[in-house]
Amino acid sequence: MSEPTTDAPQEGMNWPVLGFGLAMIAALVWILASGFGKDPHALPSVLEGKPAPAFTLLDLEGQEVSLSDFAGKPVVVNFWASWCSPCAMEHPVLLRGAQAYPDVVFLGILYGDTVEKARVFLKNRGSAYPHLQDPEQHTAIDYGVAGVPETFFIGRDGTVASKITGPVNQPALVSAVEAIRK
């Protein structure tokens, strides 16, 4: 009669390993599912509800423009670049917005771009509001801009009401502008 060897595979489940594996899968599913239903462009801005950072920049013609020039008025500040495809997509929406809301100040601020390229872009696509130079990107840094396009909506009281990351569409623009006009 031979004795059983201890090298033979054991039958049955390894419950601790199976339990650990199921717990890891459940945690992963929960993490992934918690992101569904959230807008990936709805990045929070630390500026919302706070005073908009002041700036004085030169427009494309070399004239100084300050945010303080528009105290008491609602302001839309759009950071953009001529090389940015999403910026080109949203440009007509912003043009229509500036025309539809003459009581709202629209300002474009160049991000990592040259005046010459911006002028060509605006000549080819139209312009309805001032576009400002930010050559060292100090204003972009003050606003926490991570990339373009990013659009900030500033209320009459000078506080940042909201921010849209990515290209602005018509319904989002109308909603944000209506909120700052009150």
N, C-alpha and C. Protein backbone atom coordinates (compact mmCIF):
# COMPACT_ATOMS: atom_id res chain seq x y z
N MET A 1 0.80 -1.15 0.00
CA MET A 1 0.00 0.00 0.00
C MET A 1 0.87 1.25 0.00
N SER A 2 0.53 2.18 -0.87
CA SER A 2 1.35 3.39 -0.96
C SER A 2 0.72 4.50 -0.14
N GLU A 3 1.56 5.37 0.33
CA GLU A 3 1.08 6.49 1.13
C GLU A 3 0.77 7.68 0.22
N PRO A 4 -0.24 8.46 0.56
CA PRO A 4 -0.56 9.62 -0.27
C PRO A 4 0.58 10.65 -0.23
N THR A 5 0.81 11.26 -1.37
CA THR A 5 1.86 12.28 -1.44
C THR A 5 1.25 13.65 -1.14
N THR A 6 2.07 14.50 -0.60
CA THR A 6 1.59 15.83 -0.26
C THR A 6 1.70 16.79 -1.45
N ASP A 7 2.31 16.32 -2.56
CA ASP A 7 2.46 17.16 -3.74
C ASP A 7 1.22 17.16 -4.63
N ALA A 8 0.28 16.35 -4.38
CA ALA A 8 -0.91 16.25 -5.21
C ALA A 8 -1.78 17.48 -4.98
N PRO A 9 -2.43 18.03 -6.06
CA PRO A 9 -3.30 19.19 -5.89
C PRO A 9 -4.46 18.88 -4.96
N GLN A 10 -4.78 19.86 -4.16
CA GLN A 10 -5.88 19.67 -3.23
C GLN A 10 -7.18 20.07 -3.92
N GLU A 11 -8.20 19.37 -3.57
CA GLU A 11 -9.50 19.69 -4.14
C GLU A 11 -10.20 20.68 -3.24
N GLY A 12 -11.10 21.49 -3.85
CA GLY A 12 -11.83 22.48 -3.09
C GLY A 12 -11.35 23.89 -3.45
N MET A 13 -12.01 24.85 -2.90
CA MET A 13 -11.75 26.26 -3.20
C MET A 13 -10.77 26.84 -2.20
N ASN A 14 -9.99 27.81 -2.70
CA ASN A 14 -9.14 28.58 -1.82
C ASN A 14 -9.94 29.85 -1.50
N TRP A 15 -10.76 29.77 -0.49
CA TRP A 15 -11.73 30.81 -0.16
C TRP A 15 -11.09 32.17 0.14
N PRO A 16 -9.99 32.22 0.84
CA PRO A 16 -9.41 33.55 1.10
C PRO A 16 -8.96 34.25 -0.19
N VAL A 17 -8.35 33.53 -1.12
CA VAL A 17 -7.90 34.14 -2.38
C VAL A 17 -9.10 34.56 -3.22
N LEU A 18 -10.12 33.71 -3.30
CA LEU A 18 -11.33 34.03 -4.05
C LEU A 18 -12.02 35.26 -3.45
N GLY A 19 -12.13 35.32 -2.14
CA GLY A 19 -12.76 36.46 -1.48
C GLY A 19 -12.00 37.75 -1.75
N PHE A 20 -10.68 37.69 -1.69
CA PHE A 20 -9.86 38.87 -1.97
C PHE A 20 -10.04 39.32 -3.42
N GLY A 21 -10.05 38.38 -4.35
CA GLY A 21 -10.23 38.70 -5.77
C GLY A 21 -11.58 39.35 -6.02
N LEU A 22 -12.64 38.81 -5.44
CA LEU A 22 -13.97 39.39 -5.61
C LEU A 22 -14.06 40.79 -5.00
N ALA A 23 -13.41 40.99 -3.87
CA ALA A 23 -13.41 42.32 -3.24
C ALA A 23 -12.70 43.34 -4.14
N MET A 24 -11.61 42.94 -4.76
CA MET A 24 -10.87 43.84 -5.65
C MET A 24 -11.71 44.17 -6.88
N ILE A 25 -12.38 43.18 -7.44
CA ILE A 25 -13.23 43.42 -8.62
C ILE A 25 -14.38 44.35 -8.25
N ALA A 26 -15.01 44.13 -7.11
CA ALA A 26 -16.12 44.98 -6.68
C ALA A 26 -15.64 46.42 -6.48
N ALA A 27 -14.46 46.59 -5.89
CA ALA A 27 -13.93 47.94 -5.69
C ALA A 27 -13.65 48.62 -7.03
N LEU A 28 -13.10 47.90 -7.98
CA LEU A 28 -12.81 48.46 -9.30
C LEU A 28 -14.10 48.85 -10.02
N VAL A 29 -15.11 47.99 -9.96
CA VAL A 29 -16.40 48.30 -10.59
C VAL A 29 -17.01 49.55 -9.95
N TRP A 30 -16.94 49.66 -8.62
CA TRP A 30 -17.48 50.83 -7.94
C TRP A 30 -16.75 52.11 -8.37
N ILE A 31 -15.42 52.05 -8.46
CA ILE A 31 -14.64 53.23 -8.87
C ILE A 31 -15.01 53.65 -10.28
N LEU A 32 -15.10 52.70 -11.19
CA LEU A 32 -15.45 53.03 -12.58
C LEU A 32 -16.88 53.55 -12.68
N ALA A 33 -17.81 52.91 -11.99
CA ALA A 33 -19.21 53.31 -12.07
C ALA A 33 -19.46 54.68 -11.44
N SER A 34 -18.66 55.05 -10.45
CA SER A 34 -18.88 56.35 -9.81
C SER A 34 -18.57 57.51 -10.75
N GLY A 35 -17.80 57.27 -11.81
CA GLY A 35 -17.49 58.31 -12.78
C GLY A 35 -18.54 58.47 -13.86
N PHE A 36 -19.39 57.47 -14.05
CA PHE A 36 -20.42 57.56 -15.07
C PHE A 36 -21.47 58.58 -14.66
N GLY A 37 -21.99 59.30 -15.62
CA GLY A 37 -23.01 60.30 -15.34
C GLY A 37 -22.43 61.65 -14.97
N LYS A 38 -21.10 61.76 -14.93
CA LYS A 38 -20.46 63.03 -14.63
C LYS A 38 -19.86 63.58 -15.91
N ASP A 39 -19.97 64.88 -16.09
CA ASP A 39 -19.41 65.54 -17.25
C ASP A 39 -17.91 65.68 -17.07
N PRO A 40 -17.09 65.08 -17.95
CA PRO A 40 -15.65 65.18 -17.78
C PRO A 40 -15.12 66.59 -17.98
N HIS A 41 -15.91 67.47 -18.61
CA HIS A 41 -15.50 68.86 -18.80
C HIS A 41 -15.85 69.73 -17.60
N ALA A 42 -16.63 69.20 -16.70
CA ALA A 42 -17.07 69.99 -15.55
C ALA A 42 -16.01 69.94 -14.45
N LEU A 43 -14.84 70.42 -14.77
CA LEU A 43 -13.78 70.47 -13.79
C LEU A 43 -14.06 71.62 -12.84
N PRO A 44 -13.92 71.37 -11.55
CA PRO A 44 -14.20 72.44 -10.61
C PRO A 44 -13.14 73.54 -10.73
N SER A 45 -13.56 74.76 -10.52
CA SER A 45 -12.64 75.89 -10.53
C SER A 45 -12.56 76.43 -9.12
N VAL A 46 -11.36 76.62 -8.63
CA VAL A 46 -11.20 77.18 -7.29
C VAL A 46 -11.62 78.65 -7.26
N LEU A 47 -11.81 79.25 -8.43
CA LEU A 47 -12.20 80.66 -8.50
C LEU A 47 -13.70 80.88 -8.36
N GLU A 48 -14.50 79.85 -8.59
CA GLU A 48 -15.95 80.05 -8.55
C GLU A 48 -16.37 80.59 -7.19
N GLY A 49 -17.13 81.71 -7.25
CA GLY A 49 -17.59 82.36 -6.03
C GLY A 49 -16.57 83.32 -5.44
N LYS A 50 -15.42 83.45 -6.09
CA LYS A 50 -14.37 84.35 -5.60
C LYS A 50 -14.16 85.48 -6.61
N PRO A 51 -13.55 86.58 -6.15
CA PRO A 51 -13.29 87.69 -7.08
C PRO A 51 -12.42 87.23 -8.25
N ALA A 52 -12.78 87.67 -9.44
CA ALA A 52 -11.99 87.35 -10.63
C ALA A 52 -10.63 88.02 -10.51
N PRO A 53 -9.55 87.30 -10.82
CA PRO A 53 -8.23 87.93 -10.78
C PRO A 53 -8.16 89.12 -11.74
N ALA A 54 -7.64 90.22 -11.24
CA ALA A 54 -7.51 91.44 -12.05
C ALA A 54 -6.42 91.25 -13.09
N PHE A 55 -6.58 91.94 -14.22
CA PHE A 55 -5.54 91.94 -15.23
C PHE A 55 -5.61 93.21 -16.05
N THR A 56 -4.47 93.59 -16.58
CA THR A 56 -4.36 94.65 -17.56
C THR A 56 -3.45 94.10 -18.65
N LEU A 57 -4.01 93.96 -19.85
CA LEU A 57 -3.29 93.38 -20.97
C LEU A 57 -3.43 94.28 -22.19
N LEU A 58 -2.57 94.07 -23.17
CA LEU A 58 -2.68 94.79 -24.43
C LEU A 58 -3.56 94.02 -25.39
N ASP A 59 -4.41 94.74 -26.13
CA ASP A 59 -5.18 94.07 -27.17
C ASP A 59 -4.27 93.88 -28.39
N LEU A 60 -4.80 93.34 -29.46
CA LEU A 60 -3.97 93.04 -30.63
C LEU A 60 -3.46 94.30 -31.32
N GLU A 61 -4.06 95.46 -31.01
CA GLU A 61 -3.60 96.73 -31.59
C GLU A 61 -2.66 97.48 -30.63
N GLY A 62 -2.39 96.90 -29.47
CA GLY A 62 -1.47 97.52 -28.53
C GLY A 62 -2.10 98.43 -27.51
N GLN A 63 -3.44 98.47 -27.42
CA GLN A 63 -4.15 99.31 -26.45
C GLN A 63 -4.37 98.52 -25.15
N GLU A 64 -4.20 99.18 -24.02
CA GLU A 64 -4.40 98.54 -22.72
C GLU A 64 -5.89 98.29 -22.46
N VAL A 65 -6.17 97.11 -21.95
CA VAL A 65 -7.52 96.73 -21.53
C VAL A 65 -7.40 96.10 -20.15
N SER A 66 -8.18 96.62 -19.21
CA SER A 66 -8.18 96.08 -17.84
C SER A 66 -9.54 95.49 -17.52
N LEU A 67 -9.54 94.44 -16.74
CA LEU A 67 -10.81 93.88 -16.29
C LEU A 67 -11.58 94.94 -15.51
N SER A 68 -10.88 95.78 -14.78
CA SER A 68 -11.54 96.82 -13.98
C SER A 68 -12.28 97.84 -14.85
N ASP A 69 -11.95 97.93 -16.14
CA ASP A 69 -12.67 98.83 -17.05
C ASP A 69 -14.14 98.45 -17.15
N PHE A 70 -14.47 97.22 -16.79
CA PHE A 70 -15.82 96.70 -16.98
C PHE A 70 -16.52 96.42 -15.66
N ALA A 71 -16.10 97.12 -14.61
CA ALA A 71 -16.71 96.94 -13.29
C ALA A 71 -18.21 97.17 -13.39
N GLY A 72 -18.97 96.29 -12.77
CA GLY A 72 -20.43 96.41 -12.77
C GLY A 72 -21.10 95.77 -13.97
N LYS A 73 -20.30 95.24 -14.90
CA LYS A 73 -20.86 94.57 -16.08
C LYS A 73 -20.54 93.08 -16.03
N PRO A 74 -21.42 92.25 -16.59
CA PRO A 74 -21.07 90.83 -16.71
C PRO A 74 -20.00 90.66 -17.78
N VAL A 75 -19.05 89.75 -17.52
CA VAL A 75 -17.92 89.57 -18.43
C VAL A 75 -17.71 88.08 -18.71
N VAL A 76 -17.45 87.78 -19.98
CA VAL A 76 -17.08 86.43 -20.41
C VAL A 76 -15.63 86.50 -20.86
N VAL A 77 -14.77 85.72 -20.22
CA VAL A 77 -13.34 85.68 -20.57
C VAL A 77 -13.04 84.30 -21.14
N ASN A 78 -12.61 84.30 -22.39
CA ASN A 78 -12.32 83.05 -23.10
C ASN A 78 -10.83 82.97 -23.42
N PHE A 79 -10.16 81.95 -22.88
CA PHE A 79 -8.76 81.68 -23.22
C PHE A 79 -8.75 80.77 -24.44
N TRP A 80 -8.00 81.17 -25.48
CA TRP A 80 -8.03 80.44 -26.75
C TRP A 80 -6.69 80.57 -27.46
N ALA A 81 -6.55 79.82 -28.56
CA ALA A 81 -5.36 79.89 -29.42
C ALA A 81 -5.75 79.54 -30.85
N SER A 82 -5.04 80.10 -31.80
CA SER A 82 -5.33 79.85 -33.22
C SER A 82 -5.04 78.41 -33.62
N TRP A 83 -4.12 77.76 -32.92
CA TRP A 83 -3.75 76.38 -33.24
C TRP A 83 -4.68 75.35 -32.60
N CYS A 84 -5.65 75.80 -31.85
CA CYS A 84 -6.54 74.93 -31.06
C CYS A 84 -7.80 74.61 -31.85
N SER A 85 -7.97 73.36 -32.25
CA SER A 85 -9.16 72.95 -33.01
C SER A 85 -10.47 73.16 -32.24
N PRO A 86 -10.53 72.78 -30.96
CA PRO A 86 -11.77 73.05 -30.22
C PRO A 86 -12.07 74.55 -30.12
N CYS A 87 -11.03 75.39 -30.09
CA CYS A 87 -11.25 76.84 -30.07
C CYS A 87 -11.90 77.30 -31.36
N ALA A 88 -11.46 76.72 -32.47
CA ALA A 88 -12.06 77.06 -33.77
C ALA A 88 -13.52 76.62 -33.80
N MET A 89 -13.82 75.47 -33.18
CA MET A 89 -15.20 74.97 -33.14
C MET A 89 -16.11 75.91 -32.35
N GLU A 90 -15.61 76.43 -31.24
CA GLU A 90 -16.46 77.27 -30.38
C GLU A 90 -16.51 78.73 -30.83
N HIS A 91 -15.60 79.14 -31.68
CA HIS A 91 -15.51 80.55 -32.08
C HIS A 91 -16.84 81.10 -32.62
N PRO A 92 -17.53 80.40 -33.52
CA PRO A 92 -18.82 80.94 -33.99
C PRO A 92 -19.86 81.09 -32.87
N VAL A 93 -19.82 80.20 -31.90
CA VAL A 93 -20.76 80.28 -30.77
C VAL A 93 -20.49 81.54 -29.96
N LEU A 94 -19.21 81.83 -29.72
CA LEU A 94 -18.85 83.03 -28.96
C LEU A 94 -19.18 84.30 -29.75
N LEU A 95 -18.97 84.27 -31.06
CA LEU A 95 -19.33 85.43 -31.89
C LEU A 95 -20.83 85.71 -31.80
N ARG A 96 -21.64 84.65 -31.93
CA ARG A 96 -23.09 84.84 -31.83
C ARG A 96 -23.48 85.33 -30.44
N GLY A 97 -22.81 84.81 -29.42
CA GLY A 97 -23.09 85.24 -28.05
C GLY A 97 -22.79 86.72 -27.84
N ALA A 98 -21.64 87.17 -28.36
CA ALA A 98 -21.27 88.58 -28.22
C ALA A 98 -22.26 89.48 -28.94
N GLN A 99 -22.78 89.02 -30.06
CA GLN A 99 -23.76 89.81 -30.81
C GLN A 99 -25.14 89.78 -30.15
N ALA A 100 -25.49 88.63 -29.58
CA ALA A 100 -26.81 88.49 -28.96
C ALA A 100 -26.90 89.18 -27.60
N TYR A 101 -25.77 89.37 -26.93
CA TYR A 101 -25.75 89.96 -25.60
C TYR A 101 -24.86 91.19 -25.59
N PRO A 102 -25.31 92.30 -26.15
CA PRO A 102 -24.47 93.50 -26.19
C PRO A 102 -24.19 94.10 -24.81
N ASP A 103 -24.98 93.71 -23.80
CA ASP A 103 -24.76 94.21 -22.44
C ASP A 103 -23.71 93.40 -21.69
N VAL A 104 -23.21 92.34 -22.31
CA VAL A 104 -22.19 91.48 -21.70
C VAL A 104 -20.87 91.73 -22.43
N VAL A 105 -19.80 91.90 -21.67
CA VAL A 105 -18.48 92.11 -22.24
C VAL A 105 -17.84 90.75 -22.52
N PHE A 106 -17.44 90.54 -23.75
CA PHE A 106 -16.71 89.33 -24.14
C PHE A 106 -15.26 89.72 -24.37
N LEU A 107 -14.34 88.95 -23.81
CA LEU A 107 -12.91 89.17 -24.00
C LEU A 107 -12.25 87.83 -24.35
N GLY A 108 -11.41 87.85 -25.35
CA GLY A 108 -10.60 86.68 -25.68
C GLY A 108 -9.18 86.93 -25.21
N ILE A 109 -8.56 85.91 -24.61
CA ILE A 109 -7.17 86.04 -24.18
C ILE A 109 -6.36 84.94 -24.86
N LEU A 110 -5.33 85.36 -25.58
CA LEU A 110 -4.47 84.41 -26.30
C LEU A 110 -3.69 83.56 -25.30
N TYR A 111 -3.60 82.28 -25.63
CA TYR A 111 -2.89 81.33 -24.77
C TYR A 111 -1.83 80.63 -25.62
N GLY A 112 -0.58 80.92 -25.35
CA GLY A 112 0.50 80.25 -26.06
C GLY A 112 0.45 80.45 -27.56
N ASP A 113 0.17 81.66 -27.99
CA ASP A 113 -0.01 81.95 -29.41
C ASP A 113 0.65 83.28 -29.73
N THR A 114 0.75 83.58 -31.01
CA THR A 114 1.34 84.85 -31.43
C THR A 114 0.24 85.79 -31.93
N VAL A 115 0.53 87.06 -31.85
CA VAL A 115 -0.40 88.08 -32.32
C VAL A 115 -0.67 87.90 -33.82
N GLU A 116 0.38 87.60 -34.57
CA GLU A 116 0.23 87.45 -36.02
C GLU A 116 -0.73 86.31 -36.36
N LYS A 117 -0.56 85.17 -35.72
CA LYS A 117 -1.44 84.02 -35.99
C LYS A 117 -2.87 84.31 -35.53
N ALA A 118 -3.01 85.02 -34.42
CA ALA A 118 -4.35 85.38 -33.93
C ALA A 118 -5.04 86.32 -34.92
N ARG A 119 -4.30 87.27 -35.44
CA ARG A 119 -4.88 88.21 -36.41
C ARG A 119 -5.38 87.47 -37.66
N VAL A 120 -4.59 86.54 -38.16
CA VAL A 120 -4.99 85.76 -39.34
C VAL A 120 -6.25 84.96 -39.02
N PHE A 121 -6.26 84.31 -37.88
CA PHE A 121 -7.42 83.51 -37.45
C PHE A 121 -8.67 84.39 -37.43
N LEU A 122 -8.57 85.55 -36.78
CA LEU A 122 -9.73 86.43 -36.62
C LEU A 122 -10.14 87.07 -37.95
N LYS A 123 -9.19 87.35 -38.82
CA LYS A 123 -9.52 87.90 -40.13
C LYS A 123 -10.32 86.89 -40.94
N ASN A 124 -9.94 85.62 -40.85
CA ASN A 124 -10.61 84.56 -41.61
C ASN A 124 -11.94 84.12 -40.99
N ARG A 125 -12.08 84.23 -39.68
CA ARG A 125 -13.25 83.68 -38.99
C ARG A 125 -14.15 84.73 -38.36
N GLY A 126 -13.71 85.97 -38.34
CA GLY A 126 -14.52 87.04 -37.77
C GLY A 126 -14.15 87.36 -36.35
N SER A 127 -14.48 88.60 -35.95
CA SER A 127 -14.20 89.06 -34.60
C SER A 127 -15.30 90.02 -34.17
N ALA A 128 -15.77 89.86 -32.94
CA ALA A 128 -16.84 90.72 -32.45
C ALA A 128 -16.52 91.32 -31.08
N TYR A 129 -15.32 91.06 -30.59
CA TYR A 129 -14.94 91.55 -29.26
C TYR A 129 -13.41 91.61 -29.17
N PRO A 130 -12.88 92.30 -28.15
CA PRO A 130 -11.42 92.44 -28.02
C PRO A 130 -10.73 91.11 -27.70
N HIS A 131 -9.55 90.98 -28.27
CA HIS A 131 -8.69 89.83 -27.99
C HIS A 131 -7.39 90.37 -27.43
N LEU A 132 -6.96 89.79 -26.33
CA LEU A 132 -5.85 90.33 -25.56
C LEU A 132 -4.64 89.41 -25.58
N GLN A 133 -3.48 90.03 -25.49
CA GLN A 133 -2.22 89.29 -25.45
C GLN A 133 -1.87 88.95 -24.01
N ASP A 134 -1.39 87.76 -23.79
CA ASP A 134 -0.91 87.32 -22.47
C ASP A 134 0.41 86.59 -22.72
N PRO A 135 1.43 87.32 -23.21
CA PRO A 135 2.64 86.66 -23.71
C PRO A 135 3.37 85.79 -22.69
N GLU A 136 3.35 86.17 -21.44
CA GLU A 136 4.03 85.36 -20.43
C GLU A 136 3.05 84.48 -19.66
N GLN A 137 1.79 84.53 -20.06
CA GLN A 137 0.72 83.70 -19.53
C GLN A 137 0.47 83.89 -18.04
N HIS A 138 0.77 85.08 -17.53
CA HIS A 138 0.52 85.36 -16.12
C HIS A 138 -0.98 85.33 -15.82
N THR A 139 -1.78 85.88 -16.72
CA THR A 139 -3.23 85.89 -16.51
C THR A 139 -3.78 84.47 -16.56
N ALA A 140 -3.30 83.68 -17.50
CA ALA A 140 -3.73 82.27 -17.58
C ALA A 140 -3.40 81.53 -16.29
N ILE A 141 -2.23 81.80 -15.75
CA ILE A 141 -1.83 81.17 -14.48
C ILE A 141 -2.74 81.64 -13.35
N ASP A 142 -3.02 82.95 -13.30
CA ASP A 142 -3.90 83.47 -12.25
C ASP A 142 -5.29 82.84 -12.29
N TYR A 143 -5.74 82.51 -13.49
CA TYR A 143 -7.06 81.90 -13.65
C TYR A 143 -7.01 80.37 -13.55
N GLY A 144 -5.82 79.81 -13.44
CA GLY A 144 -5.69 78.36 -13.31
C GLY A 144 -5.95 77.62 -14.60
N VAL A 145 -5.69 78.25 -15.73
CA VAL A 145 -5.95 77.63 -17.02
C VAL A 145 -4.95 76.48 -17.24
N ALA A 146 -5.51 75.32 -17.55
CA ALA A 146 -4.68 74.14 -17.80
C ALA A 146 -4.50 73.88 -19.28
N GLY A 147 -5.36 74.43 -20.09
CA GLY A 147 -5.32 74.25 -21.54
C GLY A 147 -6.47 75.02 -22.14
N VAL A 148 -6.50 75.06 -23.45
CA VAL A 148 -7.56 75.83 -24.11
C VAL A 148 -8.48 74.90 -24.89
N PRO A 149 -9.72 75.33 -25.04
CA PRO A 149 -10.33 76.54 -24.52
C PRO A 149 -10.84 76.38 -23.10
N GLU A 150 -10.82 77.48 -22.38
CA GLU A 150 -11.46 77.58 -21.07
C GLU A 150 -12.15 78.94 -21.04
N THR A 151 -13.37 78.94 -20.53
CA THR A 151 -14.17 80.17 -20.53
C THR A 151 -14.70 80.43 -19.12
N PHE A 152 -14.50 81.67 -18.67
CA PHE A 152 -14.92 82.07 -17.33
C PHE A 152 -16.04 83.09 -17.45
N PHE A 153 -17.05 82.96 -16.59
CA PHE A 153 -18.21 83.83 -16.58
C PHE A 153 -18.19 84.62 -15.28
N ILE A 154 -18.03 85.94 -15.40
CA ILE A 154 -17.86 86.81 -14.25
C ILE A 154 -19.10 87.68 -14.10
N GLY A 155 -19.68 87.65 -12.91
CA GLY A 155 -20.90 88.40 -12.64
C GLY A 155 -20.64 89.88 -12.47
N ARG A 156 -21.73 90.63 -12.37
CA ARG A 156 -21.65 92.09 -12.20
C ARG A 156 -20.86 92.49 -10.95
N ASP A 157 -20.87 91.61 -9.95
CA ASP A 157 -20.17 91.91 -8.71
C ASP A 157 -18.67 91.58 -8.77
N GLY A 158 -18.21 91.10 -9.93
CA GLY A 158 -16.79 90.82 -10.11
C GLY A 158 -16.35 89.44 -9.67
N THR A 159 -17.31 88.59 -9.28
CA THR A 159 -16.94 87.24 -8.88
C THR A 159 -17.12 86.27 -10.05
N VAL A 160 -16.30 85.23 -10.03
CA VAL A 160 -16.40 84.19 -11.05
C VAL A 160 -17.61 83.33 -10.72
N ALA A 161 -18.59 83.34 -11.61
CA ALA A 161 -19.81 82.57 -11.39
C ALA A 161 -19.65 81.13 -11.83
N SER A 162 -18.96 80.93 -12.96
CA SER A 162 -18.77 79.58 -13.47
C SER A 162 -17.64 79.54 -14.48
N LYS A 163 -17.29 78.33 -14.85
CA LYS A 163 -16.22 78.10 -15.81
C LYS A 163 -16.62 76.92 -16.69
N ILE A 164 -16.30 77.01 -17.97
CA ILE A 164 -16.50 75.87 -18.87
C ILE A 164 -15.14 75.49 -19.43
N THR A 165 -14.79 74.24 -19.25
CA THR A 165 -13.56 73.70 -19.80
C THR A 165 -13.90 72.98 -21.09
N GLY A 166 -13.18 73.28 -22.14
CA GLY A 166 -13.48 72.69 -23.44
C GLY A 166 -14.33 73.66 -24.25
N PRO A 167 -14.67 73.25 -25.46
CA PRO A 167 -15.43 74.17 -26.32
C PRO A 167 -16.82 74.46 -25.78
N VAL A 168 -17.19 75.71 -25.80
CA VAL A 168 -18.51 76.16 -25.35
C VAL A 168 -19.52 75.87 -26.45
N ASN A 169 -20.65 75.27 -26.09
CA ASN A 169 -21.73 75.11 -27.06
C ASN A 169 -22.82 76.14 -26.76
N GLN A 170 -23.74 76.29 -27.69
CA GLN A 170 -24.76 77.34 -27.58
C GLN A 170 -25.60 77.24 -26.30
N PRO A 171 -26.15 76.05 -25.98
CA PRO A 171 -26.97 75.99 -24.75
C PRO A 171 -26.18 76.33 -23.49
N ALA A 172 -24.95 75.86 -23.39
CA ALA A 172 -24.13 76.14 -22.21
C ALA A 172 -23.80 77.63 -22.12
N LEU A 173 -23.50 78.24 -23.26
CA LEU A 173 -23.20 79.67 -23.28
C LEU A 173 -24.42 80.48 -22.83
N VAL A 174 -25.57 80.18 -23.40
CA VAL A 174 -26.79 80.91 -23.04
C VAL A 174 -27.07 80.77 -21.55
N SER A 175 -26.97 79.57 -21.03
CA SER A 175 -27.24 79.33 -19.61
C SER A 175 -26.27 80.11 -18.71
N ALA A 176 -24.99 80.06 -19.03
CA ALA A 176 -23.98 80.74 -18.21
C ALA A 176 -24.11 82.26 -18.32
N VAL A 177 -24.37 82.77 -19.52
CA VAL A 177 -24.50 84.22 -19.70
C VAL A 177 -25.77 84.72 -19.01
N GLU A 178 -26.86 84.01 -19.14
CA GLU A 178 -28.10 84.43 -18.46
C GLU A 178 -27.89 84.50 -16.95
N ALA A 179 -27.10 83.59 -16.41
CA ALA A 179 -26.85 83.58 -14.96
C ALA A 179 -26.07 84.80 -14.50
N ILE A 180 -25.14 85.30 -15.34
CA ILE A 180 -24.33 86.44 -14.90
C ILE A 180 -24.98 87.78 -15.23
N ARG A 181 -26.04 87.77 -16.02
CA ARG A 181 -26.73 89.02 -16.37
C ARG A 181 -27.66 89.48 -15.27
N LYS A 182 -27.98 88.64 -14.31
CA LYS A 182 -28.95 88.95 -13.26
C LYS A 182 -28.42 89.99 -12.30
